[in-house]
All heavy atoms as atom14 arrays in JSON, in Angstrom:
{
  "sequence": "WAAARALLDRVPEAAVAAARERFARTESEGQRRMAQLAGGDSLEVS",
  "atom14_mask": [
    [1, 1, 1, 1, 1, 1, 1, 1, 1, 1, 1, 1, 1, 1],
    [1, 1, 1, 1, 1, 0, 0, 0, 0, 0, 0, 0, 0, 0],
    [1, 1, 1, 1, 1, 0, 0, 0, 0, 0, 0, 0, 0, 0],
    [1, 1, 1, 1, 1, 0, 0, 0, 0, 0, 0, 0, 0, 0],
    [1, 1, 1, 1, 1, 1, 1, 1, 1, 1, 1, 0, 0, 0],
    [1, 1, 1, 1, 1, 0, 0, 0, 0, 0, 0, 0, 0, 0],
    [1, 1, 1, 1, 1, 1, 1, 1, 0, 0, 0, 0, 0, 0],
    [1, 1, 1, 1, 1, 1, 1, 1, 0, 0, 0, 0, 0, 0],
    [1, 1, 1, 1, 1, 1, 1, 1, 0, 0, 0, 0, 0, 0],
    [1, 1, 1, 1, 1, 1, 1, 1, 1, 1, 1, 0, 0, 0],
    [1, 1, 1, 1, 1, 1, 1, 0, 0, 0, 0, 0, 0, 0],
    [1, 1, 1, 1, 1, 1, 1, 0, 0, 0, 0, 0, 0, 0],
    [1, 1, 1, 1, 1, 1, 1, 1, 1, 0, 0, 0, 0, 0],
    [1, 1, 1, 1, 1, 0, 0, 0, 0, 0, 0, 0, 0, 0],
    [1, 1, 1, 1, 1, 0, 0, 0, 0, 0, 0, 0, 0, 0],
    [1, 1, 1, 1, 1, 1, 1, 0, 0, 0, 0, 0, 0, 0],
    [1, 1, 1, 1, 1, 0, 0, 0, 0, 0, 0, 0, 0, 0],
    [1, 1, 1, 1, 1, 0, 0, 0, 0, 0, 0, 0, 0, 0],
    [1, 1, 1, 1, 1, 0, 0, 0, 0, 0, 0, 0, 0, 0],
    [1, 1, 1, 1, 1, 1, 1, 1, 1, 1, 1, 0, 0, 0],
    [1, 1, 1, 1, 1, 1, 1, 1, 1, 0, 0, 0, 0, 0],
    [1, 1, 1, 1, 1, 1, 1, 1, 1, 1, 1, 0, 0, 0],
    [1, 1, 1, 1, 1, 1, 1, 1, 1, 1, 1, 0, 0, 0],
    [1, 1, 1, 1, 1, 0, 0, 0, 0, 0, 0, 0, 0, 0],
    [1, 1, 1, 1, 1, 1, 1, 1, 1, 1, 1, 0, 0, 0],
    [1, 1, 1, 1, 1, 1, 1, 0, 0, 0, 0, 0, 0, 0],
    [1, 1, 1, 1, 1, 1, 1, 1, 1, 0, 0, 0, 0, 0],
    [1, 1, 1, 1, 1, 1, 0, 0, 0, 0, 0, 0, 0, 0],
    [1, 1, 1, 1, 1, 1, 1, 1, 1, 0, 0, 0, 0, 0],
    [1, 1, 1, 1, 0, 0, 0, 0, 0, 0, 0, 0, 0, 0],
    [1, 1, 1, 1, 1, 1, 1, 1, 1, 0, 0, 0, 0, 0],
    [1, 1, 1, 1, 1, 1, 1, 1, 1, 1, 1, 0, 0, 0],
    [1, 1, 1, 1, 1, 1, 1, 1, 1, 1, 1, 0, 0, 0],
    [1, 1, 1, 1, 1, 1, 1, 1, 0, 0, 0, 0, 0, 0],
    [1, 1, 1, 1, 1, 0, 0, 0, 0, 0, 0, 0, 0, 0],
    [1, 1, 1, 1, 1, 1, 1, 1, 1, 0, 0, 0, 0, 0],
    [1, 1, 1, 1, 1, 1, 1, 1, 0, 0, 0, 0, 0, 0],
    [1, 1, 1, 1, 1, 0, 0, 0, 0, 0, 0, 0, 0, 0],
    [1, 1, 1, 1, 0, 0, 0, 0, 0, 0, 0, 0, 0, 0],
    [1, 1, 1, 1, 0, 0, 0, 0, 0, 0, 0, 0, 0, 0],
    [1, 1, 1, 1, 1, 1, 1, 1, 0, 0, 0, 0, 0, 0],
    [1, 1, 1, 1, 1, 1, 0, 0, 0, 0, 0, 0, 0, 0],
    [1, 1, 1, 1, 1, 1, 1, 1, 0, 0, 0, 0, 0, 0],
    [1, 1, 1, 1, 1, 1, 1, 1, 1, 0, 0, 0, 0, 0],
    [1, 1, 1, 1, 1, 1, 1, 0, 0, 0, 0, 0, 0, 0],
    [1, 1, 1, 1, 1, 1, 0, 0, 0, 0, 0, 0, 0, 0]
  ],
  "atom14_positions": [
    [[28.57, -13.36, -16.34], [28.73, -12.13, -15.4], [30.11, -11.54, -15.76], [30.3, -10.37, -15.67], [28.55, -12.57, -14.0], [27.15, -12.8, -13.67], [26.51, -13.99, -13.4], [26.12, -11.69, -13.59], [25.2, -13.74, -13.16], [24.89, -12.43, -13.28], [26.1, -10.31, -13.78], [23.68, -11.66, -13.08], [24.89, -9.64, -13.64], [23.65, -10.32, -13.29]],
    [[31.02, -12.44, -16.14], [32.4, -11.82, -16.49], [32.31, -10.95, -17.78], [32.93, -9.88, -17.87], [33.38, -12.91, -16.75], [0.0, 0.0, 0.0], [0.0, 0.0, 0.0], [0.0, 0.0, 0.0], [0.0, 0.0, 0.0], [0.0, 0.0, 0.0], [0.0, 0.0, 0.0], [0.0, 0.0, 0.0], [0.0, 0.0, 0.0], [0.0, 0.0, 0.0]],
    [[31.36, -11.43, -18.69], [31.14, -10.67, -19.92], [30.44, -9.3, -19.62], [30.79, -8.24, -20.14], [30.39, -11.48, -20.89], [0.0, 0.0, 0.0], [0.0, 0.0, 0.0], [0.0, 0.0, 0.0], [0.0, 0.0, 0.0], [0.0, 0.0, 0.0], [0.0, 0.0, 0.0], [0.0, 0.0, 0.0], [0.0, 0.0, 0.0], [0.0, 0.0, 0.0]],
    [[29.48, -9.36, -18.61], [28.79, -8.14, -18.22], [29.83, -7.11, -17.6], [29.77, -5.94, -17.83], [27.65, -8.41, -17.25], [0.0, 0.0, 0.0], [0.0, 0.0, 0.0], [0.0, 0.0, 0.0], [0.0, 0.0, 0.0], [0.0, 0.0, 0.0], [0.0, 0.0, 0.0], [0.0, 0.0, 0.0], [0.0, 0.0, 0.0], [0.0, 0.0, 0.0]],
    [[30.61, -7.64, -16.73], [31.64, -6.76, -16.05], [32.57, -6.17, -17.13], [32.98, -4.97, -17.03], [32.43, -7.54, -15.06], [31.69, -7.91, -13.76], [32.49, -8.36, -12.55], [33.14, -9.64, -12.99], [32.58, -10.86, -12.76], [31.4, -10.95, -12.26], [33.3, -11.91, -13.1], [0.0, 0.0, 0.0], [0.0, 0.0, 0.0], [0.0, 0.0, 0.0]],
    [[32.97, -6.99, -18.1], [33.81, -6.56, -19.2], [33.13, -5.38, -19.99], [33.78, -4.42, -20.4], [34.16, -7.65, -20.18], [0.0, 0.0, 0.0], [0.0, 0.0, 0.0], [0.0, 0.0, 0.0], [0.0, 0.0, 0.0], [0.0, 0.0, 0.0], [0.0, 0.0, 0.0], [0.0, 0.0, 0.0], [0.0, 0.0, 0.0], [0.0, 0.0, 0.0]],
    [[31.84, -5.39, -20.16], [31.17, -4.31, -20.81], [31.3, -3.04, -19.91], [31.49, -2.02, -20.5], [29.67, -4.69, -21.01], [29.32, -5.69, -22.14], [27.87, -6.0, -22.17], [29.75, -5.21, -23.46], [0.0, 0.0, 0.0], [0.0, 0.0, 0.0], [0.0, 0.0, 0.0], [0.0, 0.0, 0.0], [0.0, 0.0, 0.0], [0.0, 0.0, 0.0]],
    [[31.0, -3.1, -18.75], [31.11, -2.05, -17.75], [32.57, -1.42, -17.79], [32.67, -0.17, -17.68], [30.71, -2.37, -16.35], [29.21, -2.44, -16.13], [28.91, -2.48, -14.64], [28.41, -1.22, -16.58], [0.0, 0.0, 0.0], [0.0, 0.0, 0.0], [0.0, 0.0, 0.0], [0.0, 0.0, 0.0], [0.0, 0.0, 0.0], [0.0, 0.0, 0.0]],
    [[33.57, -2.2, -17.9], [34.93, -1.85, -17.81], [35.22, -0.93, -19.05], [36.17, -0.07, -18.91], [35.88, -3.0, -17.9], [35.98, -3.77, -16.54], [35.44, -3.19, -15.47], [36.44, -4.84, -16.52], [0.0, 0.0, 0.0], [0.0, 0.0, 0.0], [0.0, 0.0, 0.0], [0.0, 0.0, 0.0], [0.0, 0.0, 0.0], [0.0, 0.0, 0.0]],
    [[34.48, -1.03, -20.15], [34.65, -0.19, -21.28], [33.9, 1.09, -21.27], [34.04, 1.93, -22.2], [34.19, -0.99, -22.57], [35.05, -2.34, -22.8], [34.29, -3.18, -23.78], [34.3, -2.51, -25.14], [35.19, -2.69, -26.23], [36.12, -3.62, -26.06], [35.03, -2.13, -27.3], [0.0, 0.0, 0.0], [0.0, 0.0, 0.0], [0.0, 0.0, 0.0]],
    [[33.07, 1.25, -20.24], [32.23, 2.55, -20.12], [32.98, 3.57, -19.33], [33.28, 3.49, -18.2], [30.93, 2.18, -19.45], [30.13, 3.45, -19.23], [30.13, 1.15, -20.34], [0.0, 0.0, 0.0], [0.0, 0.0, 0.0], [0.0, 0.0, 0.0], [0.0, 0.0, 0.0], [0.0, 0.0, 0.0], [0.0, 0.0, 0.0], [0.0, 0.0, 0.0]],
    [[33.24, 4.82, -20.01], [33.89, 5.88, -19.3], [32.89, 6.51, -18.29], [31.76, 6.5, -18.46], [34.13, 6.91, -20.38], [34.04, 6.17, -21.67], [33.04, 4.99, -21.4], [0.0, 0.0, 0.0], [0.0, 0.0, 0.0], [0.0, 0.0, 0.0], [0.0, 0.0, 0.0], [0.0, 0.0, 0.0], [0.0, 0.0, 0.0], [0.0, 0.0, 0.0]],
    [[33.46, 6.91, -17.1], [32.65, 7.52, -16.05], [31.95, 8.72, -16.58], [30.74, 9.02, -16.17], [33.49, 7.89, -14.86], [34.02, 6.62, -14.11], [34.84, 7.03, -12.91], [34.75, 8.27, -12.48], [35.4, 6.16, -12.28], [0.0, 0.0, 0.0], [0.0, 0.0, 0.0], [0.0, 0.0, 0.0], [0.0, 0.0, 0.0], [0.0, 0.0, 0.0]],
    [[32.59, 9.44, -17.46], [31.91, 10.67, -17.95], [30.67, 10.29, -18.83], [29.76, 11.13, -18.68], [32.89, 11.42, -18.94], [0.0, 0.0, 0.0], [0.0, 0.0, 0.0], [0.0, 0.0, 0.0], [0.0, 0.0, 0.0], [0.0, 0.0, 0.0], [0.0, 0.0, 0.0], [0.0, 0.0, 0.0], [0.0, 0.0, 0.0], [0.0, 0.0, 0.0]],
    [[30.67, 9.1, -19.56], [29.54, 8.73, -20.18], [28.35, 8.45, -19.37], [27.24, 8.77, -19.56], [29.82, 7.49, -21.1], [0.0, 0.0, 0.0], [0.0, 0.0, 0.0], [0.0, 0.0, 0.0], [0.0, 0.0, 0.0], [0.0, 0.0, 0.0], [0.0, 0.0, 0.0], [0.0, 0.0, 0.0], [0.0, 0.0, 0.0], [0.0, 0.0, 0.0]],
    [[28.59, 7.86, -18.14], [27.57, 7.56, -17.24], [26.94, 8.84, -16.6], [25.77, 8.99, -16.61], [28.12, 6.71, -16.07], [27.05, 6.44, -15.0], [28.62, 5.29, -16.65], [0.0, 0.0, 0.0], [0.0, 0.0, 0.0], [0.0, 0.0, 0.0], [0.0, 0.0, 0.0], [0.0, 0.0, 0.0], [0.0, 0.0, 0.0], [0.0, 0.0, 0.0]],
    [[27.83, 9.81, -16.27], [27.39, 11.05, -15.71], [26.48, 11.82, -16.81], [25.52, 12.42, -16.4], [28.65, 11.93, -15.35], [0.0, 0.0, 0.0], [0.0, 0.0, 0.0], [0.0, 0.0, 0.0], [0.0, 0.0, 0.0], [0.0, 0.0, 0.0], [0.0, 0.0, 0.0], [0.0, 0.0, 0.0], [0.0, 0.0, 0.0], [0.0, 0.0, 0.0]],
    [[26.97, 11.84, -18.0], [26.38, 12.51, -19.03], [24.86, 11.88, -19.3], [23.86, 12.52, -19.38], [27.04, 12.53, -20.37], [0.0, 0.0, 0.0], [0.0, 0.0, 0.0], [0.0, 0.0, 0.0], [0.0, 0.0, 0.0], [0.0, 0.0, 0.0], [0.0, 0.0, 0.0], [0.0, 0.0, 0.0], [0.0, 0.0, 0.0], [0.0, 0.0, 0.0]],
    [[24.84, 10.55, -19.18], [23.57, 9.86, -19.38], [22.59, 10.19, -18.23], [21.47, 10.4, -18.49], [23.86, 8.42, -19.55], [0.0, 0.0, 0.0], [0.0, 0.0, 0.0], [0.0, 0.0, 0.0], [0.0, 0.0, 0.0], [0.0, 0.0, 0.0], [0.0, 0.0, 0.0], [0.0, 0.0, 0.0], [0.0, 0.0, 0.0], [0.0, 0.0, 0.0]],
    [[23.1, 10.15, -17.08], [22.2, 10.39, -15.87], [21.69, 11.81, -15.93], [20.48, 12.07, -15.66], [23.09, 10.27, -14.59], [23.25, 8.86, -14.16], [24.17, 8.77, -12.91], [24.27, 7.28, -12.53], [25.21, 6.91, -11.7], [26.0, 7.65, -11.14], [25.2, 5.54, -11.35], [0.0, 0.0, 0.0], [0.0, 0.0, 0.0], [0.0, 0.0, 0.0]],
    [[22.41, 12.77, -16.45], [21.96, 14.15, -16.59], [20.84, 14.15, -17.63], [19.95, 14.92, -17.44], [23.16, 15.04, -16.94], [22.69, 16.49, -17.03], [23.88, 17.43, -17.42], [25.0, 17.01, -17.4], [23.66, 18.64, -17.81], [0.0, 0.0, 0.0], [0.0, 0.0, 0.0], [0.0, 0.0, 0.0], [0.0, 0.0, 0.0], [0.0, 0.0, 0.0]],
    [[21.09, 13.5, -18.72], [20.14, 13.49, -19.87], [18.81, 12.74, -19.39], [17.73, 13.18, -19.59], [20.72, 12.72, -20.98], [19.89, 12.78, -22.27], [20.64, 12.37, -23.47], [21.04, 10.93, -23.47], [22.22, 10.38, -23.15], [23.18, 11.32, -23.0], [22.58, 9.19, -23.24], [0.0, 0.0, 0.0], [0.0, 0.0, 0.0], [0.0, 0.0, 0.0]],
    [[18.87, 11.62, -18.73], [17.77, 10.92, -18.25], [16.94, 11.71, -17.23], [15.69, 11.5, -17.15], [18.15, 9.49, -17.7], [18.81, 8.56, -18.71], [19.6, 7.53, -18.25], [18.61, 8.76, -20.08], [20.34, 6.83, -19.15], [19.34, 7.91, -21.0], [20.19, 6.97, -20.5], [0.0, 0.0, 0.0], [0.0, 0.0, 0.0], [0.0, 0.0, 0.0]],
    [[17.63, 12.53, -16.4], [16.95, 13.33, -15.42], [15.96, 14.34, -16.04], [14.96, 14.78, -15.46], [17.92, 14.06, -14.52], [0.0, 0.0, 0.0], [0.0, 0.0, 0.0], [0.0, 0.0, 0.0], [0.0, 0.0, 0.0], [0.0, 0.0, 0.0], [0.0, 0.0, 0.0], [0.0, 0.0, 0.0], [0.0, 0.0, 0.0], [0.0, 0.0, 0.0]],
    [[16.18, 14.65, -17.34], [15.35, 15.53, -18.02], [14.27, 14.97, -18.93], [13.49, 15.52, -19.68], [16.13, 16.55, -18.85], [17.13, 17.37, -18.22], [17.7, 18.46, -19.1], [18.38, 17.84, -20.26], [19.64, 17.49, -20.33], [20.45, 17.68, -19.28], [20.11, 16.97, -21.51], [0.0, 0.0, 0.0], [0.0, 0.0, 0.0], [0.0, 0.0, 0.0]],
    [[14.23, 13.58, -18.85], [13.34, 12.82, -19.87], [11.93, 13.16, -19.59], [11.44, 13.35, -18.46], [13.7, 11.33, -19.78], [12.89, 10.65, -20.75], [13.31, 10.83, -18.43], [0.0, 0.0, 0.0], [0.0, 0.0, 0.0], [0.0, 0.0, 0.0], [0.0, 0.0, 0.0], [0.0, 0.0, 0.0], [0.0, 0.0, 0.0], [0.0, 0.0, 0.0]],
    [[11.07, 13.12, -20.76], [9.72, 13.17, -20.69], [9.0, 11.8, -20.6], [7.82, 11.63, -20.46], [9.17, 13.97, -21.85], [9.67, 15.32, -21.91], [9.31, 16.07, -23.33], [8.56, 15.32, -24.06], [9.69, 17.18, -23.51], [0.0, 0.0, 0.0], [0.0, 0.0, 0.0], [0.0, 0.0, 0.0], [0.0, 0.0, 0.0], [0.0, 0.0, 0.0]],
    [[9.91, 10.77, -21.06], [9.33, 9.41, -21.17], [9.28, 8.71, -19.81], [10.22, 8.58, -19.03], [10.3, 8.63, -22.11], [10.05, 7.26, -21.97], [0.0, 0.0, 0.0], [0.0, 0.0, 0.0], [0.0, 0.0, 0.0], [0.0, 0.0, 0.0], [0.0, 0.0, 0.0], [0.0, 0.0, 0.0], [0.0, 0.0, 0.0], [0.0, 0.0, 0.0]],
    [[8.0, 8.19, -19.41], [7.9, 7.41, -18.31], [8.66, 6.13, -18.4], [9.25, 5.72, -17.34], [6.38, 7.09, -18.12], [6.04, 6.17, -16.96], [6.45, 6.75, -15.61], [6.64, 7.94, -15.5], [6.56, 5.87, -14.66], [0.0, 0.0, 0.0], [0.0, 0.0, 0.0], [0.0, 0.0, 0.0], [0.0, 0.0, 0.0], [0.0, 0.0, 0.0]],
    [[8.73, 5.48, -19.43], [9.49, 4.24, -19.64], [10.94, 4.51, -19.4], [11.71, 3.71, -18.72], [0.0, 0.0, 0.0], [0.0, 0.0, 0.0], [0.0, 0.0, 0.0], [0.0, 0.0, 0.0], [0.0, 0.0, 0.0], [0.0, 0.0, 0.0], [0.0, 0.0, 0.0], [0.0, 0.0, 0.0], [0.0, 0.0, 0.0], [0.0, 0.0, 0.0]],
    [[11.43, 5.66, -19.9], [12.85, 6.01, -19.71], [13.18, 6.22, -18.25], [14.28, 5.85, -17.74], [13.36, 7.13, -20.54], [14.75, 7.53, -20.42], [15.67, 6.37, -20.91], [15.7, 5.93, -22.16], [16.28, 5.66, -20.01], [0.0, 0.0, 0.0], [0.0, 0.0, 0.0], [0.0, 0.0, 0.0], [0.0, 0.0, 0.0], [0.0, 0.0, 0.0]],
    [[12.3, 6.95, -17.52], [12.42, 7.16, -16.17], [12.51, 5.85, -15.35], [13.3, 5.72, -14.45], [11.27, 8.04, -15.58], [11.41, 9.48, -15.9], [10.36, 10.28, -15.04], [9.07, 10.18, -15.51], [8.5, 10.97, -16.38], [9.22, 11.88, -16.92], [7.25, 10.81, -16.8], [0.0, 0.0, 0.0], [0.0, 0.0, 0.0], [0.0, 0.0, 0.0]],
    [[11.74, 4.85, -15.72], [11.7, 3.6, -15.1], [13.0, 2.86, -15.32], [13.53, 2.26, -14.42], [10.52, 2.72, -15.52], [9.19, 3.36, -15.07], [8.03, 2.72, -15.83], [7.63, 1.47, -15.36], [6.53, 1.12, -14.69], [5.66, 2.08, -14.49], [6.23, -0.14, -14.29], [0.0, 0.0, 0.0], [0.0, 0.0, 0.0], [0.0, 0.0, 0.0]],
    [[13.53, 2.99, -16.54], [14.94, 2.4, -16.82], [15.95, 2.99, -16.0], [16.83, 2.31, -15.51], [15.12, 2.46, -18.35], [14.32, 1.49, -19.23], [14.74, -0.2, -19.04], [13.45, -0.82, -18.09], [0.0, 0.0, 0.0], [0.0, 0.0, 0.0], [0.0, 0.0, 0.0], [0.0, 0.0, 0.0], [0.0, 0.0, 0.0], [0.0, 0.0, 0.0]],
    [[15.98, 4.34, -15.95], [16.96, 5.08, -15.22], [16.94, 4.67, -13.8], [17.97, 4.7, -13.13], [16.84, 6.51, -15.5], [0.0, 0.0, 0.0], [0.0, 0.0, 0.0], [0.0, 0.0, 0.0], [0.0, 0.0, 0.0], [0.0, 0.0, 0.0], [0.0, 0.0, 0.0], [0.0, 0.0, 0.0], [0.0, 0.0, 0.0], [0.0, 0.0, 0.0]],
    [[15.81, 4.55, -13.24], [15.58, 4.19, -11.85], [16.19, 2.81, -11.54], [16.89, 2.66, -10.44], [14.06, 4.16, -11.46], [13.88, 4.02, -9.93], [12.38, 4.1, -9.54], [11.48, 4.03, -10.46], [12.05, 4.26, -8.29], [0.0, 0.0, 0.0], [0.0, 0.0, 0.0], [0.0, 0.0, 0.0], [0.0, 0.0, 0.0], [0.0, 0.0, 0.0]],
    [[16.01, 1.98, -12.38], [16.6, 0.59, -12.23], [18.11, 0.72, -12.24], [18.85, -0.05, -11.45], [16.15, -0.3, -13.37], [14.71, -0.82, -13.19], [14.33, -1.67, -14.43], [14.4, -1.6, -11.98], [0.0, 0.0, 0.0], [0.0, 0.0, 0.0], [0.0, 0.0, 0.0], [0.0, 0.0, 0.0], [0.0, 0.0, 0.0], [0.0, 0.0, 0.0]],
    [[18.75, 1.48, -13.18], [20.18, 1.58, -13.21], [20.79, 2.44, -12.11], [21.91, 2.42, -11.93], [20.45, 2.15, -14.58], [0.0, 0.0, 0.0], [0.0, 0.0, 0.0], [0.0, 0.0, 0.0], [0.0, 0.0, 0.0], [0.0, 0.0, 0.0], [0.0, 0.0, 0.0], [0.0, 0.0, 0.0], [0.0, 0.0, 0.0], [0.0, 0.0, 0.0]],
    [[19.89, 3.09, -11.33], [20.5, 4.04, -10.33], [20.43, 3.45, -8.9], [20.73, 4.13, -7.96], [0.0, 0.0, 0.0], [0.0, 0.0, 0.0], [0.0, 0.0, 0.0], [0.0, 0.0, 0.0], [0.0, 0.0, 0.0], [0.0, 0.0, 0.0], [0.0, 0.0, 0.0], [0.0, 0.0, 0.0], [0.0, 0.0, 0.0], [0.0, 0.0, 0.0]],
    [[20.14, 2.16, -8.79], [19.96, 1.63, -7.46], [21.29, 1.1, -6.92], [22.38, 1.29, -7.57], [0.0, 0.0, 0.0], [0.0, 0.0, 0.0], [0.0, 0.0, 0.0], [0.0, 0.0, 0.0], [0.0, 0.0, 0.0], [0.0, 0.0, 0.0], [0.0, 0.0, 0.0], [0.0, 0.0, 0.0], [0.0, 0.0, 0.0], [0.0, 0.0, 0.0]],
    [[21.26, 0.49, -5.78], [22.53, 0.08, -5.18], [23.17, -1.15, -5.81], [24.33, -1.23, -5.82], [22.22, -0.44, -3.73], [21.73, 0.73, -2.81], [22.13, 1.94, -3.12], [21.01, 0.56, -1.73], [0.0, 0.0, 0.0], [0.0, 0.0, 0.0], [0.0, 0.0, 0.0], [0.0, 0.0, 0.0], [0.0, 0.0, 0.0], [0.0, 0.0, 0.0]],
    [[22.32, -1.94, -6.5], [22.85, -3.07, -7.28], [22.19, -3.02, -8.7], [21.09, -2.74, -8.95], [22.4, -4.39, -6.59], [22.76, -5.48, -7.42], [0.0, 0.0, 0.0], [0.0, 0.0, 0.0], [0.0, 0.0, 0.0], [0.0, 0.0, 0.0], [0.0, 0.0, 0.0], [0.0, 0.0, 0.0], [0.0, 0.0, 0.0], [0.0, 0.0, 0.0]],
    [[23.05, -3.42, -9.66], [22.63, -3.44, -11.1], [21.86, -4.77, -11.35], [21.12, -4.81, -12.35], [23.74, -3.29, -12.02], [24.39, -1.89, -12.1], [25.64, -1.94, -12.95], [23.46, -0.81, -12.51], [0.0, 0.0, 0.0], [0.0, 0.0, 0.0], [0.0, 0.0, 0.0], [0.0, 0.0, 0.0], [0.0, 0.0, 0.0], [0.0, 0.0, 0.0]],
    [[21.98, -5.68, -10.45], [21.06, -6.96, -10.62], [19.76, -6.62, -9.86], [19.71, -6.76, -8.69], [21.79, -8.11, -10.16], [20.97, -9.41, -10.48], [21.65, -10.77, -10.04], [22.76, -10.76, -9.4], [21.1, -11.78, -10.28], [0.0, 0.0, 0.0], [0.0, 0.0, 0.0], [0.0, 0.0, 0.0], [0.0, 0.0, 0.0], [0.0, 0.0, 0.0]],
    [[18.73, -6.27, -10.68], [17.5, -5.7, -10.09], [16.54, -6.79, -9.81], [15.52, -6.55, -9.09], [16.95, -4.58, -10.99], [17.84, -3.43, -11.02], [16.68, -5.13, -12.4], [0.0, 0.0, 0.0], [0.0, 0.0, 0.0], [0.0, 0.0, 0.0], [0.0, 0.0, 0.0], [0.0, 0.0, 0.0], [0.0, 0.0, 0.0], [0.0, 0.0, 0.0]],
    [[16.7, -7.9, -10.35], [16.02, -9.18, -10.0], [16.85, -10.31, -10.54], [17.85, -10.05, -11.25], [14.56, -9.22, -10.56], [14.64, -9.44, -11.91], [0.0, 0.0, 0.0], [0.0, 0.0, 0.0], [0.0, 0.0, 0.0], [0.0, 0.0, 0.0], [0.0, 0.0, 0.0], [0.0, 0.0, 0.0], [0.0, 0.0, 0.0], [0.0, 0.0, 0.0]]
  ]
}
């Protein structure tokens, strides 16, 4: 979990915002499902 947090520490906030905007326009049902998992209150989804 420390390694997972370290990965997030390297992610710029602007990159997250840009990805959310891109995923909101997706035609892919699978991508919508992935974006929904990443948009919840906790990133540990199970």
